[in-house]
Amino acid sequence: MRVLLIEDDRQTADYLLRGLAETGAVTDHVADGRAGLLQAASGEYDALVVDRMLPGLDGVGIVRTLRASGNRTPVLFLSALGEVDDRVAGLRAGGDDYLVKPFAFSELHARLEALLRRGKADTPETCLRVADLEMDLLKREVTRAGREIRLQPREFRLLEYLVRHADQVVTRTMLLEQVWDYHFDPQTNVIDVHISRLRSKIDKDFEPPLLQTVRGVGYMLRGA
């Protein structure tokens, strides 16, 4: 975990730097608001710990500027200002959590861990993998064993659905609804045709075959 601590109180900063180091976190420290904003904007941190009252630029101003620029690094505010209005102002500026001084380091660390878990949960998955098959959802690229596989848009969508449900039986009805947006049976062989094409692309010349037919039910992409 890499943390930026923006705190002008030397005693508090030393206390946190020592505690974070003991947890294995790598922490940079800045004591001035404007310098803290510049360093936070680099986007290289997993979390920011920001004091509300700072010289140069206060913590609310730092976080508000970061959010306006699209920076979504989790922020934990520290402050001696413990009134409800103070906490609300910090959260509305874009802070993710608020801790009133004095505090126990164990609580601060637990809150940082919670922020990181929340951030990971909010992060959309952009790469999928089953065995040696990989899908880059942003670049729309598929590779198996490092070899590029070119897919048509519908084939890509079909494979993505199968990968997301790897080692599960996927029925024809599920494919019609989730890949073709059909909520009825069109009475065509559209699924068979696309499965056949997909199988020839991802399994031909590779071992072992990944895409398997579950007779009378549907299909399964085996990852193990």
C-alpha atoms as a PDB file:
ATOM      1  CA  MET A   1       0.000   0.000   0.000  1.00  0.00           C
ATOM      2  CA  ARG A   2       1.378   3.395  -0.959  1.00  0.00           C
ATOM      3  CA  VAL A   3       0.024   6.315   1.059  1.00  0.00           C
ATOM      4  CA  LEU A   4       0.449  10.082   0.873  1.00  0.00           C
ATOM      5  CA  LEU A   5       0.170  11.767   4.266  1.00  0.00           C
ATOM      6  CA  ILE A   6      -0.587  15.513   4.163  1.00  0.00           C
ATOM      7  CA  GLU A   7      -0.237  16.654   7.755  1.00  0.00           C
ATOM      8  CA  ASP A   8       1.457  19.759   9.163  1.00  0.00           C
ATOM      9  CA  ASP A   9       1.551  18.643  12.794  1.00  0.00           C
ATOM     10  CA  ARG A  10       4.970  17.082  13.227  1.00  0.00           C
ATOM     11  CA  GLN A  11       4.032  14.904  16.196  1.00  0.00           C
ATOM     12  CA  THR A  12       0.974  13.461  14.479  1.00  0.00           C
ATOM     13  CA  ALA A  13       2.913  12.929  11.262  1.00  0.00           C
ATOM     14  CA  ASP A  14       5.724  11.072  13.032  1.00  0.00           C
ATOM     15  CA  TYR A  15       3.203   8.892  14.842  1.00  0.00           C
ATOM     16  CA  LEU A  16       1.471   7.943  11.585  1.00  0.00           C
ATOM     17  CA  LEU A  17       4.666   7.469   9.592  1.00  0.00           C
ATOM     18  CA  ARG A  18       5.969   5.080  12.212  1.00  0.00           C
ATOM     19  CA  GLY A  19       2.707   3.139  12.418  1.00  0.00           C
ATOM     20  CA  LEU A  20       2.253   2.878   8.648  1.00  0.00           C
ATOM     21  CA  ALA A  21       5.845   1.714   8.196  1.00  0.00           C
ATOM     22  CA  GLU A  22       5.218  -1.072  10.713  1.00  0.00           C
ATOM     23  CA  THR A  23       2.284  -2.277   8.593  1.00  0.00           C
ATOM     24  CA  GLY A  24       4.474  -2.407   5.497  1.00  0.00           C
ATOM     25  CA  ALA A  25       2.958   0.657   3.851  1.00  0.00           C
ATOM     26  CA  VAL A  26       5.175   3.003   1.858  1.00  0.00           C
ATOM     27  CA  THR A  27       4.300   6.528   2.949  1.00  0.00           C
ATOM     28  CA  ASP A  28       5.301   9.913   1.603  1.00  0.00           C
ATOM     29  CA  HIS A  29       4.789  12.927   3.821  1.00  0.00           C
ATOM     30  CA  VAL A  30       4.045  16.540   2.900  1.00  0.00           C
ATOM     31  CA  ALA A  31       3.330  19.270   5.468  1.00  0.00           C
ATOM     32  CA  ASP A  32       1.982  21.992   3.168  1.00  0.00           C
ATOM     33  CA  GLY A  33      -1.402  22.049   1.442  1.00  0.00           C
ATOM     34  CA  ARG A  34      -0.291  23.255  -1.975  1.00  0.00           C
ATOM     35  CA  ALA A  35       2.668  20.886  -2.108  1.00  0.00           C
ATOM     36  CA  GLY A  36       0.351  18.106  -0.995  1.00  0.00           C
ATOM     37  CA  LEU A  37      -2.072  18.838  -3.833  1.00  0.00           C
ATOM     38  CA  LEU A  38       0.710  18.685  -6.417  1.00  0.00           C
ATOM     39  CA  GLN A  39       2.011  15.407  -5.057  1.00  0.00           C
ATOM     40  CA  ALA A  40      -1.450  13.856  -4.725  1.00  0.00           C
ATOM     41  CA  ALA A  41      -2.263  14.816  -8.324  1.00  0.00           C
ATOM     42  CA  SER A  42       0.488  12.493  -9.519  1.00  0.00           C
ATOM     43  CA  GLY A  43      -2.032   9.689  -9.016  1.00  0.00           C
ATOM     44  CA  GLU A  44       0.584   7.261  -7.730  1.00  0.00           C
ATOM     45  CA  TYR A  45      -1.046   6.564  -4.361  1.00  0.00           C
ATOM     46  CA  ASP A  46      -3.458   3.925  -3.130  1.00  0.00           C
ATOM     47  CA  ALA A  47      -4.834   6.287  -0.470  1.00  0.00           C
ATOM     48  CA  LEU A  48      -4.452   9.820   0.863  1.00  0.00           C
ATOM     49  CA  VAL A  49      -4.534  10.784   4.538  1.00  0.00           C
ATOM     50  CA  VAL A  50      -5.295  14.498   4.627  1.00  0.00           C
ATOM     51  CA  ASP A  51      -5.496  16.871   7.563  1.00  0.00           C
ATOM     52  CA  ARG A  52      -8.359  19.378   7.354  1.00  0.00           C
ATOM     53  CA  MET A  53      -6.350  22.398   8.547  1.00  0.00           C
ATOM     54  CA  LEU A  54      -3.164  22.976   6.566  1.00  0.00           C
ATOM     55  CA  PRO A  55      -0.963  25.921   5.644  1.00  0.00           C
ATOM     56  CA  GLY A  56      -1.218  27.096   2.048  1.00  0.00           C
ATOM     57  CA  LEU A  57      -4.401  25.204   1.159  1.00  0.00           C
ATOM     58  CA  ASP A  58      -6.751  23.380   3.500  1.00  0.00           C
ATOM     59  CA  GLY A  59      -7.657  19.728   3.173  1.00  0.00           C
ATOM     60  CA  VAL A  60     -11.133  20.400   1.777  1.00  0.00           C
ATOM     61  CA  GLY A  61      -9.616  22.549  -0.978  1.00  0.00           C
ATOM     62  CA  ILE A  62      -7.119  19.804  -1.837  1.00  0.00           C
ATOM     63  CA  VAL A  63      -9.746  17.107  -2.146  1.00  0.00           C
ATOM     64  CA  ARG A  64     -12.237  19.285  -3.985  1.00  0.00           C
ATOM     65  CA  THR A  65      -9.564  20.147  -6.580  1.00  0.00           C
ATOM     66  CA  LEU A  66      -8.531  16.510  -6.973  1.00  0.00           C
ATOM     67  CA  ARG A  67     -12.106  15.348  -7.516  1.00  0.00           C
ATOM     68  CA  ALA A  68     -12.776  18.121 -10.029  1.00  0.00           C
ATOM     69  CA  SER A  69      -9.813  16.876 -12.060  1.00  0.00           C
ATOM     70  CA  GLY A  70     -11.073  13.299 -12.009  1.00  0.00           C
ATOM     71  CA  ASN A  71      -8.675  11.964  -9.358  1.00  0.00           C
ATOM     72  CA  ARG A  72     -10.518   9.222  -7.426  1.00  0.00           C
ATOM     73  CA  THR A  73      -7.809   8.162  -4.974  1.00  0.00           C
ATOM     74  CA  PRO A  74      -9.513   7.260  -1.647  1.00  0.00           C
ATOM     75  CA  VAL A  75      -9.185  10.038   0.952  1.00  0.00           C
ATOM     76  CA  LEU A  76      -9.289   9.758   4.727  1.00  0.00           C
ATOM     77  CA  PHE A  77      -9.656  13.126   6.432  1.00  0.00           C
ATOM     78  CA  LEU A  78      -8.034  13.813   9.804  1.00  0.00           C
ATOM     79  CA  SER A  79      -9.237  16.700  11.885  1.00  0.00           C
ATOM     80  CA  ALA A  80      -9.663  18.114  15.340  1.00  0.00           C
ATOM     81  CA  LEU A  81     -12.961  19.493  14.006  1.00  0.00           C
ATOM     82  CA  GLY A  82     -15.411  16.864  15.094  1.00  0.00           C
ATOM     83  CA  GLU A  83     -18.753  18.590  14.682  1.00  0.00           C
ATOM     84  CA  VAL A  84     -21.284  17.048  12.330  1.00  0.00           C
ATOM     85  CA  ASP A  85     -21.111  20.035   9.968  1.00  0.00           C
ATOM     86  CA  ASP A  86     -17.329  19.670   9.730  1.00  0.00           C
ATOM     87  CA  ARG A  87     -17.563  15.998   8.871  1.00  0.00           C
ATOM     88  CA  VAL A  88     -20.302  16.624   6.332  1.00  0.00           C
ATOM     89  CA  ALA A  89     -18.242  19.368   4.661  1.00  0.00           C
ATOM     90  CA  GLY A  90     -15.279  17.022   4.335  1.00  0.00           C
ATOM     91  CA  LEU A  91     -17.328  14.201   2.872  1.00  0.00           C
ATOM     92  CA  ARG A  92     -19.170  16.496   0.492  1.00  0.00           C
ATOM     93  CA  ALA A  93     -15.856  17.814  -0.787  1.00  0.00           C
ATOM     94  CA  GLY A  94     -15.070  14.290  -1.930  1.00  0.00           C
ATOM     95  CA  GLY A  95     -13.530  12.681   1.145  1.00  0.00           C
ATOM     96  CA  ASP A  96     -14.308   9.003   1.645  1.00  0.00           C
ATOM     97  CA  ASP A  97     -13.966   8.832   5.407  1.00  0.00           C
ATOM     98  CA  TYR A  98     -13.346  11.135   8.365  1.00  0.00           C
ATOM     99  CA  LEU A  99     -11.424  10.500  11.570  1.00  0.00           C
ATOM    100  CA  VAL A 100     -11.476  12.926  14.493  1.00  0.00           C
ATOM    101  CA  LYS A 101      -8.300  13.569  16.511  1.00  0.00           C
ATOM    102  CA  PRO A 102      -7.186  12.099  18.818  1.00  0.00           C
ATOM    103  CA  PHE A 103      -7.506   8.627  17.349  1.00  0.00           C
ATOM    104  CA  ALA A 104      -5.986   5.189  17.740  1.00  0.00           C
ATOM    105  CA  PHE A 105      -3.645   4.129  14.959  1.00  0.00           C
ATOM    106  CA  SER A 106      -5.380   0.752  14.763  1.00  0.00           C
ATOM    107  CA  GLU A 107      -8.623   2.525  13.839  1.00  0.00           C
ATOM    108  CA  LEU A 108      -6.930   4.623  11.169  1.00  0.00           C
ATOM    109  CA  HIS A 109      -5.323   1.541   9.672  1.00  0.00           C
ATOM    110  CA  ALA A 110      -8.617  -0.368   9.684  1.00  0.00           C
ATOM    111  CA  ARG A 111     -10.335   2.535   7.933  1.00  0.00           C
ATOM    112  CA  LEU A 112      -7.614   2.679   5.278  1.00  0.00           C
ATOM    113  CA  GLU A 113      -7.982  -1.035   4.629  1.00  0.00           C
ATOM    114  CA  ALA A 114     -11.753  -0.595   4.272  1.00  0.00           C
ATOM    115  CA  LEU A 115     -11.251   2.243   1.771  1.00  0.00           C
ATOM    116  CA  LEU A 116      -8.912   0.108  -0.309  1.00  0.00           C
ATOM    117  CA  ARG A 117     -11.368  -2.803  -0.334  1.00  0.00           C
ATOM    118  CA  ARG A 118     -14.160  -0.464  -1.396  1.00  0.00           C
ATOM    119  CA  GLY A 119     -12.007   1.008  -4.147  1.00  0.00           C
ATOM    120  CA  LYS A 120     -11.179  -2.420  -5.554  1.00  0.00           C
ATOM    121  CA  ALA A 121     -14.834  -3.414  -5.528  1.00  0.00           C
ATOM    122  CA  ASP A 122     -15.721  -0.286  -7.494  1.00  0.00           C
ATOM    123  CA  THR A 123     -13.056  -0.872 -10.060  1.00  0.00           C
ATOM    124  CA  PRO A 124     -14.471  -2.503 -13.155  1.00  0.00           C
ATOM    125  CA  GLU A 125     -12.763  -5.678 -14.301  1.00  0.00           C
ATOM    126  CA  THR A 126     -10.933  -5.033 -17.563  1.00  0.00           C
ATOM    127  CA  CYS A 127      -8.986  -8.266 -18.044  1.00  0.00           C
ATOM    128  CA  LEU A 128     -10.413 -11.775 -17.899  1.00  0.00           C
ATOM    129  CA  ARG A 129      -8.487 -15.033 -17.925  1.00  0.00           C
ATOM    130  CA  VAL A 130      -9.350 -18.719 -18.188  1.00  0.00           C
ATOM    131  CA  ALA A 131      -6.427 -21.131 -18.398  1.00  0.00           C
ATOM    132  CA  ASP A 132      -4.136 -19.647 -21.076  1.00  0.00           C
ATOM    133  CA  LEU A 133      -6.958 -17.650 -22.698  1.00  0.00           C
ATOM    134  CA  GLU A 134      -6.946 -13.911 -21.956  1.00  0.00           C
ATOM    135  CA  MET A 135      -9.416 -11.145 -22.821  1.00  0.00           C
ATOM    136  CA  ASP A 136      -8.549  -7.455 -22.639  1.00  0.00           C
ATOM    137  CA  LEU A 137     -11.960  -5.787 -22.444  1.00  0.00           C
ATOM    138  CA  LEU A 138     -10.579  -2.293 -23.021  1.00  0.00           C
ATOM    139  CA  LYS A 139      -8.455  -3.105 -26.055  1.00  0.00           C
ATOM    140  CA  ARG A 140     -10.975  -5.706 -27.251  1.00  0.00           C
ATOM    141  CA  GLU A 141      -8.158  -8.182 -27.700  1.00  0.00           C
ATOM    142  CA  VAL A 142      -8.105 -11.938 -27.150  1.00  0.00           C
ATOM    143  CA  THR A 143      -5.046 -14.138 -26.894  1.00  0.00           C
ATOM    144  CA  ARG A 144      -4.460 -17.780 -26.153  1.00  0.00           C
ATOM    145  CA  ALA A 145      -1.001 -18.962 -25.171  1.00  0.00           C
ATOM    146  CA  GLY A 146       0.165 -15.523 -26.235  1.00  0.00           C
ATOM    147  CA  ARG A 147      -1.231 -15.833 -29.773  1.00  0.00           C
ATOM    148  CA  GLU A 148      -3.704 -13.225 -30.946  1.00  0.00           C
ATOM    149  CA  ILE A 149      -7.214 -14.407 -31.813  1.00  0.00           C
ATOM    150  CA  ARG A 150      -9.405 -12.163 -33.945  1.00  0.00           C
ATOM    151  CA  LEU A 151     -13.097 -12.213 -33.079  1.00  0.00           C
ATOM    152  CA  GLN A 152     -16.161 -10.557 -34.531  1.00  0.00           C
ATOM    153  CA  PRO A 153     -18.081  -8.304 -32.096  1.00  0.00           C
ATOM    154  CA  ARG A 154     -20.749 -10.940 -31.383  1.00  0.00           C
ATOM    155  CA  GLU A 155     -18.140 -13.621 -30.922  1.00  0.00           C
ATOM    156  CA  PHE A 156     -16.302 -11.374 -28.473  1.00  0.00           C
ATOM    157  CA  ARG A 157     -19.481 -10.815 -26.471  1.00  0.00           C
ATOM    158  CA  LEU A 158     -20.233 -14.544 -26.499  1.00  0.00           C
ATOM    159  CA  LEU A 159     -16.744 -15.407 -25.295  1.00  0.00           C
ATOM    160  CA  GLU A 160     -16.855 -12.746 -22.587  1.00  0.00           C
ATOM    161  CA  TYR A 161     -20.071 -14.228 -21.221  1.00  0.00           C
ATOM    162  CA  LEU A 162     -18.614 -17.730 -21.265  1.00  0.00           C
ATOM    163  CA  VAL A 163     -15.404 -16.574 -19.574  1.00  0.00           C
ATOM    164  CA  ARG A 164     -17.341 -14.778 -16.846  1.00  0.00           C
ATOM    165  CA  HIS A 165     -19.176 -18.062 -16.209  1.00  0.00           C
ATOM    166  CA  ALA A 166     -16.217 -20.392 -16.645  1.00  0.00           C
ATOM    167  CA  ASP A 167     -16.682 -23.892 -15.234  1.00  0.00           C
ATOM    168  CA  GLN A 168     -20.438 -23.352 -15.141  1.00  0.00           C
ATOM    169  CA  VAL A 169     -23.026 -24.778 -17.518  1.00  0.00           C
ATOM    170  CA  VAL A 170     -24.437 -21.959 -19.653  1.00  0.00           C
ATOM    171  CA  THR A 171     -27.786 -22.796 -21.213  1.00  0.00           C
ATOM    172  CA  ARG A 172     -28.967 -21.739 -24.659  1.00  0.00           C
ATOM    173  CA  THR A 173     -31.644 -19.584 -23.031  1.00  0.00           C
ATOM    174  CA  MET A 174     -28.998 -17.756 -21.003  1.00  0.00           C
ATOM    175  CA  LEU A 175     -26.991 -17.098 -24.171  1.00  0.00           C
ATOM    176  CA  LEU A 176     -30.016 -15.858 -26.093  1.00  0.00           C
ATOM    177  CA  GLU A 177     -30.880 -13.423 -23.316  1.00  0.00           C
ATOM    178  CA  GLN A 178     -27.425 -12.209 -22.353  1.00  0.00           C
ATOM    179  CA  VAL A 179     -25.577 -12.247 -25.678  1.00  0.00           C
ATOM    180  CA  TRP A 180     -28.332 -11.675 -28.252  1.00  0.00           C
ATOM    181  CA  ASP A 181     -30.828  -9.821 -26.030  1.00  0.00           C
ATOM    182  CA  TYR A 182     -33.531 -12.236 -27.160  1.00  0.00           C
ATOM    183  CA  HIS A 183     -36.206 -13.054 -24.629  1.00  0.00           C
ATOM    184  CA  PHE A 184     -37.764 -15.659 -26.857  1.00  0.00           C
ATOM    185  CA  ASP A 185     -36.496 -18.598 -28.869  1.00  0.00           C
ATOM    186  CA  PRO A 186     -35.959 -17.398 -32.465  1.00  0.00           C
ATOM    187  CA  GLN A 187     -35.999 -21.010 -33.642  1.00  0.00           C
ATOM    188  CA  THR A 188     -32.739 -20.590 -35.505  1.00  0.00           C
ATOM    189  CA  ASN A 189     -29.310 -22.165 -35.264  1.00  0.00           C
ATOM    190  CA  VAL A 190     -27.669 -18.795 -34.516  1.00  0.00           C
ATOM    191  CA  ILE A 191     -26.085 -20.071 -31.297  1.00  0.00           C
ATOM    192  CA  ASP A 192     -24.720 -23.221 -32.917  1.00  0.00           C
ATOM    193  CA  VAL A 193     -23.162 -21.221 -35.732  1.00  0.00           C
ATOM    194  CA  HIS A 194     -21.434 -18.773 -33.406  1.00  0.00           C
ATOM    195  CA  ILE A 195     -20.289 -21.469 -31.001  1.00  0.00           C
ATOM    196  CA  SER A 196     -18.810 -23.403 -33.888  1.00  0.00           C
ATOM    197  CA  ARG A 197     -16.921 -20.355 -35.143  1.00  0.00           C
ATOM    198  CA  LEU A 198     -15.731 -19.478 -31.672  1.00  0.00           C
ATOM    199  CA  ARG A 199     -14.575 -23.020 -30.995  1.00  0.00           C
ATOM    200  CA  SER A 200     -12.559 -23.093 -34.194  1.00  0.00           C
ATOM    201  CA  LYS A 201     -10.821 -19.871 -33.195  1.00  0.00           C
ATOM    202  CA  ILE A 202     -10.034 -20.493 -29.537  1.00  0.00           C
ATOM    203  CA  ASP A 203      -9.506 -24.279 -29.571  1.00  0.00           C
ATOM    204  CA  LYS A 204      -8.139 -25.161 -33.016  1.00  0.00           C
ATOM    205  CA  ASP A 205      -4.381 -25.714 -32.780  1.00  0.00           C
ATOM    206  CA  PHE A 206      -4.499 -25.457 -28.965  1.00  0.00           C
ATOM    207  CA  GLU A 207      -4.575 -28.028 -26.190  1.00  0.00           C
ATOM    208  CA  PRO A 208      -6.598 -28.760 -24.205  1.00  0.00           C
ATOM    209  CA  PRO A 209      -9.935 -27.696 -25.743  1.00  0.00           C
ATOM    210  CA  LEU A 210     -11.717 -25.171 -23.517  1.00  0.00           C
ATOM    211  CA  LEU A 211     -15.196 -24.858 -25.032  1.00  0.00           C
ATOM    212  CA  GLN A 212     -17.282 -27.954 -24.446  1.00  0.00           C
ATOM    213  CA  THR A 213     -20.833 -28.935 -25.299  1.00  0.00           C
ATOM    214  CA  VAL A 214     -23.012 -30.180 -22.454  1.00  0.00           C
ATOM    215  CA  ARG A 215     -25.403 -32.344 -24.418  1.00  0.00           C
ATOM    216  CA  GLY A 216     -29.042 -31.336 -24.135  1.00  0.00           C
ATOM    217  CA  VAL A 217     -28.254 -28.386 -21.866  1.00  0.00           C
ATOM    218  CA  GLY A 218     -25.775 -25.891 -23.289  1.00  0.00           C
ATOM    219  CA  TYR A 219     -22.056 -25.160 -23.103  1.00  0.00           C
ATOM    220  CA  MET A 220     -19.217 -24.801 -20.668  1.00  0.00           C
ATOM    221  CA  LEU A 221     -15.856 -23.090 -20.846  1.00  0.00           C
ATOM    222  CA  ARG A 222     -13.529 -25.211 -18.764  1.00  0.00           C
ATOM    223  CA  GLY A 223     -10.743 -23.441 -16.990  1.00  0.00           C
ATOM    224  CA  ALA A 224      -9.418 -26.398 -15.044  1.00  0.00           C
END
